[in-house]
Amino acid sequence: MTIFRLICLVEIAFLSLGCGNVVYRTWLNPLGLKMLRPTSVHVTYDGSREYGEDNLALFTLIKACDMEIHVECPISVENFKNAEFVYNRLMKAGVSEITLIRYFPTGRGSDIAEHMEPSADAYKLAIASYLSLCSINPDGPLIKLQCALKSFHPDSNGTTPCKMGGDSLCIMPNGTLLSCPWAYGMNGKHLSQNFVAGNLATESFNVCFERIPRLSEALRKQYPTECRVCAFVADQRFSEMHLSMAS
C-alpha cells in the first residue's frame, strides 16, 4: 500500500466521523514510513447550521486523541453579524484557531449564492468583529483569514496563503484531481477544465501532479491579485449576463 493511499484511508475514517481535513506530520526513512499521525483536525462550524453542533459534539473525542481543533468558519448572510456568539462558543469548546472563509459560489452553493453571498461591507464587518474579539481574549482562539478574504482586509497579517497547486488539492468521487479544492461545479462535476490536472482512475498521481504548476501559473497570470476560483466564477457570471442580454 502506498503512503498516499494510506493517508486517504485515514482521511476517510475521519470524514466518516463528520470531521473535515486532517493535518498530518509524516517522517520518512529509507525503509519507508516511520511515523504517520494526525496532529490536528479541521472542522466546519458557522453557528447557523445544524451540522455545526454535531461537529462540536466530537470535540471531546478529538481532544482525547491529543489533537488540536482548528475550525473553518464560512461567512454568509446568515452569520456575518453573529461573530460574538460563534467566537465565544468555540472558545468555550477549547478551539485553538478559527479560519474565516469566504462564501464560495461553487458546487451546491452556486444555486443559492445570490441569497447567501455577503456584500463587501458585510465581510468587512464580520472580519473586524472577529479580530476585535481575538484582541480582547488573549487566551481565546487565534483568528486567521482565508486568502480569498484578503481583499476585504488587506492589512491583516494572519491571512493564509493561497494553496492552489500546493498542498491543498481535491480528488473528486470520479477520480478527477483538481488544483484547488474549491473548484467544484454543479452536480459533482468540476468547475472548469482550467482546474483539472487529470483523473486518478486512469492516470498515476505523479503524472497528474506534474500538470498542476502549469495550470496554476496560467490562472495566476489571468487573475494576479484575486482568488482564482472567485474571479473565474465572476467572469462566468458576467459572460452569461451579456449573453442573456444579447438574446
C-alpha atoms as a PDB file:
ATOM      1  CA  MET A   1       0.000   0.000   0.000  1.00  0.00           C
ATOM      2  CA  THR A   2       1.426   3.417  -0.968  1.00  0.00           C
ATOM      3  CA  ILE A   3       1.755   6.235   1.552  1.00  0.00           C
ATOM      4  CA  PHE A   4      -0.723   8.272  -0.490  1.00  0.00           C
ATOM      5  CA  ARG A   5      -3.393   5.561  -0.296  1.00  0.00           C
ATOM      6  CA  LEU A   6      -2.774   5.066   3.408  1.00  0.00           C
ATOM      7  CA  ILE A   7      -3.297   8.774   4.047  1.00  0.00           C
ATOM      8  CA  CYS A   8      -6.528   8.637   2.031  1.00  0.00           C
ATOM      9  CA  LEU A   9      -7.808   5.753   4.169  1.00  0.00           C
ATOM     10  CA  VAL A  10      -7.088   7.670   7.371  1.00  0.00           C
ATOM     11  CA  GLU A  11      -8.756  10.744   5.882  1.00  0.00           C
ATOM     12  CA  ILE A  12     -11.870   8.750   5.000  1.00  0.00           C
ATOM     13  CA  ALA A  13     -12.042   7.416   8.549  1.00  0.00           C
ATOM     14  CA  PHE A  14     -12.141  10.946   9.931  1.00  0.00           C
ATOM     15  CA  LEU A  15     -14.597  12.144   7.302  1.00  0.00           C
ATOM     16  CA  SER A  16     -16.957   9.348   8.336  1.00  0.00           C
ATOM     17  CA  LEU A  17     -16.980  10.921  11.814  1.00  0.00           C
ATOM     18  CA  GLY A  18     -18.162  14.194  10.348  1.00  0.00           C
ATOM     19  CA  CYS A  19     -14.794  15.917  10.652  1.00  0.00           C
ATOM     20  CA  GLY A  20     -13.050  17.915   7.977  1.00  0.00           C
ATOM     21  CA  ASN A  21      -9.487  17.767   6.761  1.00  0.00           C
ATOM     22  CA  VAL A  22      -6.851  16.013   8.834  1.00  0.00           C
ATOM     23  CA  VAL A  23      -3.388  17.566   9.015  1.00  0.00           C
ATOM     24  CA  TYR A  24      -0.507  15.104   9.171  1.00  0.00           C
ATOM     25  CA  ARG A  25       3.108  15.100  10.248  1.00  0.00           C
ATOM     26  CA  THR A  26       4.971  12.424   8.351  1.00  0.00           C
ATOM     27  CA  TRP A  27       8.510  11.216   8.913  1.00  0.00           C
ATOM     28  CA  LEU A  28      10.101   9.079   6.232  1.00  0.00           C
ATOM     29  CA  ASN A  29      13.252   6.984   6.379  1.00  0.00           C
ATOM     30  CA  PRO A  30      14.963   4.843   3.725  1.00  0.00           C
ATOM     31  CA  LEU A  31      12.928   1.809   4.828  1.00  0.00           C
ATOM     32  CA  GLY A  32       9.576   3.532   4.266  1.00  0.00           C
ATOM     33  CA  LEU A  33       7.024   5.056   6.594  1.00  0.00           C
ATOM     34  CA  LYS A  34       8.407   5.640  10.074  1.00  0.00           C
ATOM     35  CA  MET A  35       5.560   7.559  11.683  1.00  0.00           C
ATOM     36  CA  LEU A  36       2.190   8.799  10.486  1.00  0.00           C
ATOM     37  CA  ARG A  37      -0.009  10.576  12.963  1.00  0.00           C
ATOM     38  CA  PRO A  38      -2.757  13.206  12.747  1.00  0.00           C
ATOM     39  CA  THR A  39      -1.851  16.313  14.753  1.00  0.00           C
ATOM     40  CA  SER A  40      -4.974  18.384  14.198  1.00  0.00           C
ATOM     41  CA  VAL A  41      -8.461  18.177  12.766  1.00  0.00           C
ATOM     42  CA  HIS A  42     -10.140  20.916  10.738  1.00  0.00           C
ATOM     43  CA  VAL A  43     -13.863  21.133  11.439  1.00  0.00           C
ATOM     44  CA  THR A  44     -16.523  23.379   9.910  1.00  0.00           C
ATOM     45  CA  TYR A  45     -18.671  25.500  12.218  1.00  0.00           C
ATOM     46  CA  ASP A  46     -20.574  28.656  11.307  1.00  0.00           C
ATOM     47  CA  GLY A  47     -23.090  28.949  14.142  1.00  0.00           C
ATOM     48  CA  SER A  48     -26.105  28.727  11.867  1.00  0.00           C
ATOM     49  CA  ARG A  49     -26.190  25.138  10.567  1.00  0.00           C
ATOM     50  CA  GLU A  50     -27.250  22.009  12.460  1.00  0.00           C
ATOM     51  CA  TYR A  51     -24.216  20.006  11.351  1.00  0.00           C
ATOM     52  CA  GLY A  52     -22.052  22.505  13.216  1.00  0.00           C
ATOM     53  CA  GLU A  53     -23.485  21.398  16.543  1.00  0.00           C
ATOM     54  CA  ASP A  54     -22.869  17.767  15.560  1.00  0.00           C
ATOM     55  CA  ASN A  55     -19.246  18.685  14.874  1.00  0.00           C
ATOM     56  CA  LEU A  56     -18.962  20.404  18.249  1.00  0.00           C
ATOM     57  CA  ALA A  57     -20.117  17.197  19.932  1.00  0.00           C
ATOM     58  CA  LEU A  58     -16.996  15.481  18.539  1.00  0.00           C
ATOM     59  CA  PHE A  59     -14.555  17.921  20.108  1.00  0.00           C
ATOM     60  CA  THR A  60     -14.191  15.947  23.330  1.00  0.00           C
ATOM     61  CA  LEU A  61     -13.224  12.838  21.359  1.00  0.00           C
ATOM     62  CA  ILE A  62     -10.770  14.777  19.226  1.00  0.00           C
ATOM     63  CA  LYS A  63      -9.049  16.378  22.227  1.00  0.00           C
ATOM     64  CA  ALA A  64      -8.862  12.969  23.936  1.00  0.00           C
ATOM     65  CA  CYS A  65      -6.697  11.891  20.970  1.00  0.00           C
ATOM     66  CA  ASP A  66      -4.270  14.734  21.789  1.00  0.00           C
ATOM     67  CA  MET A  67      -5.091  16.633  18.595  1.00  0.00           C
ATOM     68  CA  GLU A  68      -5.687  20.341  18.130  1.00  0.00           C
ATOM     69  CA  ILE A  69      -9.029  21.555  16.790  1.00  0.00           C
ATOM     70  CA  HIS A  70      -8.938  24.145  14.025  1.00  0.00           C
ATOM     71  CA  VAL A  71     -12.305  25.498  12.945  1.00  0.00           C
ATOM     72  CA  GLU A  72     -13.110  26.781   9.483  1.00  0.00           C
ATOM     73  CA  CYS A  73     -15.978  29.274   9.628  1.00  0.00           C
ATOM     74  CA  PRO A  74     -17.642  30.202   6.309  1.00  0.00           C
ATOM     75  CA  ILE A  75     -19.086  33.728   6.371  1.00  0.00           C
ATOM     76  CA  SER A  76     -22.536  34.101   4.824  1.00  0.00           C
ATOM     77  CA  VAL A  77     -25.546  36.410   5.098  1.00  0.00           C
ATOM     78  CA  GLU A  78     -26.821  34.068   7.801  1.00  0.00           C
ATOM     79  CA  ASN A  79     -23.977  34.589  10.249  1.00  0.00           C
ATOM     80  CA  PHE A  80     -21.899  37.675   9.415  1.00  0.00           C
ATOM     81  CA  LYS A  81     -23.455  39.504  12.410  1.00  0.00           C
ATOM     82  CA  ASN A  82     -23.003  36.569  14.810  1.00  0.00           C
ATOM     83  CA  ALA A  83     -19.252  36.796  15.439  1.00  0.00           C
ATOM     84  CA  GLU A  84     -19.594  37.168  19.206  1.00  0.00           C
ATOM     85  CA  PHE A  85     -21.810  34.082  19.525  1.00  0.00           C
ATOM     86  CA  VAL A  86     -19.585  31.927  17.305  1.00  0.00           C
ATOM     87  CA  TYR A  87     -16.306  33.079  18.860  1.00  0.00           C
ATOM     88  CA  ASN A  88     -17.456  32.587  22.461  1.00  0.00           C
ATOM     89  CA  ARG A  89     -18.992  29.199  21.632  1.00  0.00           C
ATOM     90  CA  LEU A  90     -15.759  27.961  20.112  1.00  0.00           C
ATOM     91  CA  MET A  91     -13.585  29.476  22.848  1.00  0.00           C
ATOM     92  CA  LYS A  92     -15.635  27.602  25.445  1.00  0.00           C
ATOM     93  CA  ALA A  93     -15.176  24.408  23.411  1.00  0.00           C
ATOM     94  CA  GLY A  94     -11.381  24.748  23.564  1.00  0.00           C
ATOM     95  CA  VAL A  95     -10.767  25.593  19.904  1.00  0.00           C
ATOM     96  CA  SER A  96      -7.257  26.926  19.287  1.00  0.00           C
ATOM     97  CA  GLU A  97      -7.708  28.517  15.871  1.00  0.00           C
ATOM     98  CA  ILE A  98     -10.541  29.850  13.681  1.00  0.00           C
ATOM     99  CA  THR A  99     -10.030  30.448   9.976  1.00  0.00           C
ATOM    100  CA  LEU A 100     -12.660  32.714   8.441  1.00  0.00           C
ATOM    101  CA  ILE A 101     -13.642  31.526   4.990  1.00  0.00           C
ATOM    102  CA  ARG A 102     -15.286  33.291   2.092  1.00  0.00           C
ATOM    103  CA  TYR A 103     -18.627  32.043   0.806  1.00  0.00           C
ATOM    104  CA  PHE A 104     -17.801  30.255  -2.438  1.00  0.00           C
ATOM    105  CA  PRO A 105     -20.483  30.390  -5.156  1.00  0.00           C
ATOM    106  CA  THR A 106     -19.461  26.957  -6.401  1.00  0.00           C
ATOM    107  CA  GLY A 107     -20.730  23.403  -6.081  1.00  0.00           C
ATOM    108  CA  ARG A 108     -24.058  23.123  -4.301  1.00  0.00           C
ATOM    109  CA  GLY A 109     -23.589  26.689  -3.068  1.00  0.00           C
ATOM    110  CA  SER A 110     -23.888  28.146  -6.568  1.00  0.00           C
ATOM    111  CA  ASP A 111     -27.660  27.699  -6.679  1.00  0.00           C
ATOM    112  CA  ILE A 112     -28.225  29.878  -3.612  1.00  0.00           C
ATOM    113  CA  ALA A 113     -25.243  32.207  -3.949  1.00  0.00           C
ATOM    114  CA  GLU A 114     -27.460  35.168  -4.814  1.00  0.00           C
ATOM    115  CA  HIS A 115     -29.111  34.919  -1.383  1.00  0.00           C
ATOM    116  CA  MET A 116     -26.158  33.686   0.697  1.00  0.00           C
ATOM    117  CA  GLU A 117     -23.124  35.591  -0.544  1.00  0.00           C
ATOM    118  CA  PRO A 118     -22.353  38.600   1.709  1.00  0.00           C
ATOM    119  CA  SER A 119     -21.619  42.088   0.432  1.00  0.00           C
ATOM    120  CA  ALA A 120     -18.142  43.577   0.763  1.00  0.00           C
ATOM    121  CA  ASP A 121     -19.331  45.650   3.744  1.00  0.00           C
ATOM    122  CA  ALA A 122     -20.734  42.532   5.433  1.00  0.00           C
ATOM    123  CA  TYR A 123     -17.405  40.722   5.024  1.00  0.00           C
ATOM    124  CA  LYS A 124     -15.528  43.707   6.470  1.00  0.00           C
ATOM    125  CA  LEU A 125     -17.891  43.887   9.455  1.00  0.00           C
ATOM    126  CA  ALA A 126     -17.518  40.169  10.217  1.00  0.00           C
ATOM    127  CA  ILE A 127     -13.722  40.244   9.918  1.00  0.00           C
ATOM    128  CA  ALA A 128     -13.409  43.325  12.129  1.00  0.00           C
ATOM    129  CA  SER A 129     -15.703  41.753  14.748  1.00  0.00           C
ATOM    130  CA  TYR A 130     -13.690  38.514  14.946  1.00  0.00           C
ATOM    131  CA  LEU A 131     -10.363  40.335  15.124  1.00  0.00           C
ATOM    132  CA  SER A 132     -11.702  42.570  17.895  1.00  0.00           C
ATOM    133  CA  LEU A 133     -12.882  39.544  19.901  1.00  0.00           C
ATOM    134  CA  CYS A 134      -9.483  37.920  19.445  1.00  0.00           C
ATOM    135  CA  SER A 135      -7.689  41.045  20.691  1.00  0.00           C
ATOM    136  CA  ILE A 136      -9.657  41.144  23.965  1.00  0.00           C
ATOM    137  CA  ASN A 137      -9.366  37.390  24.554  1.00  0.00           C
ATOM    138  CA  PRO A 138      -5.617  36.618  24.598  1.00  0.00           C
ATOM    139  CA  ASP A 139      -6.274  33.002  25.612  1.00  0.00           C
ATOM    140  CA  GLY A 140      -9.029  32.528  23.055  1.00  0.00           C
ATOM    141  CA  PRO A 141      -8.819  31.125  19.514  1.00  0.00           C
ATOM    142  CA  LEU A 142      -6.476  32.802  17.057  1.00  0.00           C
ATOM    143  CA  ILE A 143      -8.177  34.319  14.027  1.00  0.00           C
ATOM    144  CA  LYS A 144      -6.850  33.672  10.534  1.00  0.00           C
ATOM    145  CA  LEU A 145      -8.278  34.824   7.226  1.00  0.00           C
ATOM    146  CA  GLN A 146      -8.515  32.635   4.174  1.00  0.00           C
ATOM    147  CA  CYS A 147      -6.560  34.092   1.259  1.00  0.00           C
ATOM    148  CA  ALA A 148      -9.849  34.707  -0.603  1.00  0.00           C
ATOM    149  CA  LEU A 149     -10.756  37.297   2.075  1.00  0.00           C
ATOM    150  CA  LYS A 150      -7.582  39.379   1.886  1.00  0.00           C
ATOM    151  CA  SER A 151      -9.180  41.992  -0.401  1.00  0.00           C
ATOM    152  CA  PHE A 152     -11.629  42.817   2.415  1.00  0.00           C
ATOM    153  CA  HIS A 153      -8.856  43.261   4.990  1.00  0.00           C
ATOM    154  CA  PRO A 154      -5.561  43.878   3.162  1.00  0.00           C
ATOM    155  CA  ASP A 155      -3.670  44.890   6.315  1.00  0.00           C
ATOM    156  CA  SER A 156      -4.162  41.573   8.091  1.00  0.00           C
ATOM    157  CA  ASN A 157      -1.007  39.649   8.970  1.00  0.00           C
ATOM    158  CA  GLY A 158      -2.999  36.496   9.606  1.00  0.00           C
ATOM    159  CA  THR A 159      -4.041  35.753   6.040  1.00  0.00           C
ATOM    160  CA  THR A 160      -3.289  32.205   4.967  1.00  0.00           C
ATOM    161  CA  PRO A 161      -1.526  31.947   1.592  1.00  0.00           C
ATOM    162  CA  CYS A 162      -3.318  30.582  -1.447  1.00  0.00           C
ATOM    163  CA  LYS A 163      -2.656  26.856  -1.561  1.00  0.00           C
ATOM    164  CA  MET A 164      -3.846  26.275  -5.112  1.00  0.00           C
ATOM    165  CA  GLY A 165      -1.488  23.839  -6.731  1.00  0.00           C
ATOM    166  CA  GLY A 166       0.418  23.297  -3.494  1.00  0.00           C
ATOM    167  CA  ASP A 167      -0.531  21.087  -0.577  1.00  0.00           C
ATOM    168  CA  SER A 168      -4.282  21.606  -0.935  1.00  0.00           C
ATOM    169  CA  LEU A 169      -5.802  19.604  -3.776  1.00  0.00           C
ATOM    170  CA  CYS A 170      -9.157  17.931  -4.401  1.00  0.00           C
ATOM    171  CA  ILE A 171      -9.931  14.396  -5.519  1.00  0.00           C
ATOM    172  CA  MET A 172     -13.491  14.185  -6.838  1.00  0.00           C
ATOM    173  CA  PRO A 173     -15.573  10.983  -6.494  1.00  0.00           C
ATOM    174  CA  ASN A 174     -14.858  10.033 -10.113  1.00  0.00           C
ATOM    175  CA  GLY A 175     -11.088  10.372  -9.610  1.00  0.00           C
ATOM    176  CA  THR A 176     -10.659  13.845 -11.108  1.00  0.00           C
ATOM    177  CA  LEU A 177      -7.766  15.722  -9.482  1.00  0.00           C
ATOM    178  CA  LEU A 178      -8.349  19.472  -9.087  1.00  0.00           C
ATOM    179  CA  SER A 179      -5.618  22.031  -8.467  1.00  0.00           C
ATOM    180  CA  CYS A 180      -7.921  23.803  -5.984  1.00  0.00           C
ATOM    181  CA  PRO A 181     -10.434  22.160  -3.607  1.00  0.00           C
ATOM    182  CA  TRP A 182     -12.929  24.989  -4.224  1.00  0.00           C
ATOM    183  CA  ALA A 183     -13.088  24.433  -7.990  1.00  0.00           C
ATOM    184  CA  TYR A 184     -16.229  22.318  -7.722  1.00  0.00           C
ATOM    185  CA  GLY A 185     -19.001  22.723 -10.272  1.00  0.00           C
ATOM    186  CA  MET A 186     -22.616  21.646 -10.136  1.00  0.00           C
ATOM    187  CA  ASN A 187     -23.835  18.030  -9.946  1.00  0.00           C
ATOM    188  CA  GLY A 188     -20.480  16.671  -8.800  1.00  0.00           C
ATOM    189  CA  LYS A 189     -18.602  17.984 -11.826  1.00  0.00           C
ATOM    190  CA  HIS A 190     -15.521  20.191 -11.938  1.00  0.00           C
ATOM    191  CA  LEU A 191     -15.952  23.948 -12.251  1.00  0.00           C
ATOM    192  CA  SER A 192     -13.795  24.172 -15.364  1.00  0.00           C
ATOM    193  CA  GLN A 193     -11.132  22.257 -17.249  1.00  0.00           C
ATOM    194  CA  ASN A 194      -8.784  25.101 -16.215  1.00  0.00           C
ATOM    195  CA  PHE A 195      -8.523  23.457 -12.788  1.00  0.00           C
ATOM    196  CA  VAL A 196      -8.315  19.798 -13.887  1.00  0.00           C
ATOM    197  CA  ALA A 197      -4.931  18.046 -13.631  1.00  0.00           C
ATOM    198  CA  GLY A 198      -6.167  14.638 -14.772  1.00  0.00           C
ATOM    199  CA  ASN A 199      -8.007  11.606 -13.470  1.00  0.00           C
ATOM    200  CA  LEU A 200      -6.518   9.214 -10.908  1.00  0.00           C
ATOM    201  CA  ALA A 201      -8.767   6.408 -12.130  1.00  0.00           C
ATOM    202  CA  THR A 202      -6.843   6.301 -15.405  1.00  0.00           C
ATOM    203  CA  GLU A 203      -3.507   8.032 -14.652  1.00  0.00           C
ATOM    204  CA  SER A 204      -0.924   7.930 -11.899  1.00  0.00           C
ATOM    205  CA  PHE A 205      -0.864  10.630  -9.243  1.00  0.00           C
ATOM    206  CA  ASN A 206       2.628  11.735 -10.316  1.00  0.00           C
ATOM    207  CA  VAL A 207       1.549  12.240 -13.937  1.00  0.00           C
ATOM    208  CA  CYS A 208      -1.459  14.331 -12.861  1.00  0.00           C
ATOM    209  CA  PHE A 209       0.509  16.279 -10.262  1.00  0.00           C
ATOM    210  CA  GLU A 210       3.140  17.309 -12.821  1.00  0.00           C
ATOM    211  CA  ARG A 211       0.454  19.266 -14.713  1.00  0.00           C
ATOM    212  CA  ILE A 212      -0.570  21.363 -11.713  1.00  0.00           C
ATOM    213  CA  PRO A 213       2.213  24.016 -11.836  1.00  0.00           C
ATOM    214  CA  ARG A 214       1.271  24.879 -15.427  1.00  0.00           C
ATOM    215  CA  LEU A 215      -2.444  25.110 -14.584  1.00  0.00           C
ATOM    216  CA  SER A 216      -1.787  27.233 -11.505  1.00  0.00           C
ATOM    217  CA  GLU A 217       0.604  29.580 -13.279  1.00  0.00           C
ATOM    218  CA  ALA A 218      -1.914  30.234 -16.066  1.00  0.00           C
ATOM    219  CA  LEU A 219      -4.641  31.107 -13.557  1.00  0.00           C
ATOM    220  CA  ARG A 220      -2.325  33.329 -11.512  1.00  0.00           C
ATOM    221  CA  LYS A 221      -1.387  35.270 -14.639  1.00  0.00           C
ATOM    222  CA  GLN A 222      -5.054  35.689 -15.544  1.00  0.00           C
ATOM    223  CA  TYR A 223      -6.080  36.705 -12.008  1.00  0.00           C
ATOM    224  CA  PRO A 224      -2.927  38.022 -10.294  1.00  0.00           C
ATOM    225  CA  THR A 225      -4.478  39.614  -7.181  1.00  0.00           C
ATOM    226  CA  GLU A 226      -7.793  37.801  -6.639  1.00  0.00           C
ATOM    227  CA  CYS A 227      -8.947  34.374  -5.527  1.00  0.00           C
ATOM    228  CA  ARG A 228      -8.767  32.483  -8.816  1.00  0.00           C
ATOM    229  CA  VAL A 229     -11.956  30.492  -8.251  1.00  0.00           C
ATOM    230  CA  CYS A 230     -13.993  33.554  -7.220  1.00  0.00           C
ATOM    231  CA  ALA A 231     -12.632  35.613 -10.126  1.00  0.00           C
ATOM    232  CA  PHE A 232     -13.317  32.780 -12.586  1.00  0.00           C
ATOM    233  CA  VAL A 233     -16.925  32.470 -11.361  1.00  0.00           C
ATOM    234  CA  ALA A 234     -17.373  36.254 -11.593  1.00  0.00           C
ATOM    235  CA  ASP A 235     -16.170  36.169 -15.207  1.00  0.00           C
ATOM    236  CA  GLN A 236     -18.605  33.361 -15.965  1.00  0.00           C
ATOM    237  CA  ARG A 237     -21.496  35.327 -14.464  1.00  0.00           C
ATOM    238  CA  PHE A 238     -20.504  38.416 -16.448  1.00  0.00           C
ATOM    239  CA  SER A 239     -20.397  36.421 -19.708  1.00  0.00           C
ATOM    240  CA  GLU A 240     -23.731  34.736 -19.001  1.00  0.00           C
ATOM    241  CA  MET A 241     -25.346  38.090 -18.232  1.00  0.00           C
ATOM    242  CA  HIS A 242     -24.147  39.579 -21.521  1.00  0.00           C
ATOM    243  CA  LEU A 243     -25.308  36.522 -23.454  1.00  0.00           C
ATOM    244  CA  SER A 244     -28.781  36.748 -21.925  1.00  0.00           C
ATOM    245  CA  MET A 245     -28.955  40.478 -22.687  1.00  0.00           C
ATOM    246  CA  ALA A 246     -27.857  39.864 -26.264  1.00  0.00           C
ATOM    247  CA  SER A 247     -30.507  37.190 -26.791  1.00  0.00           C
END
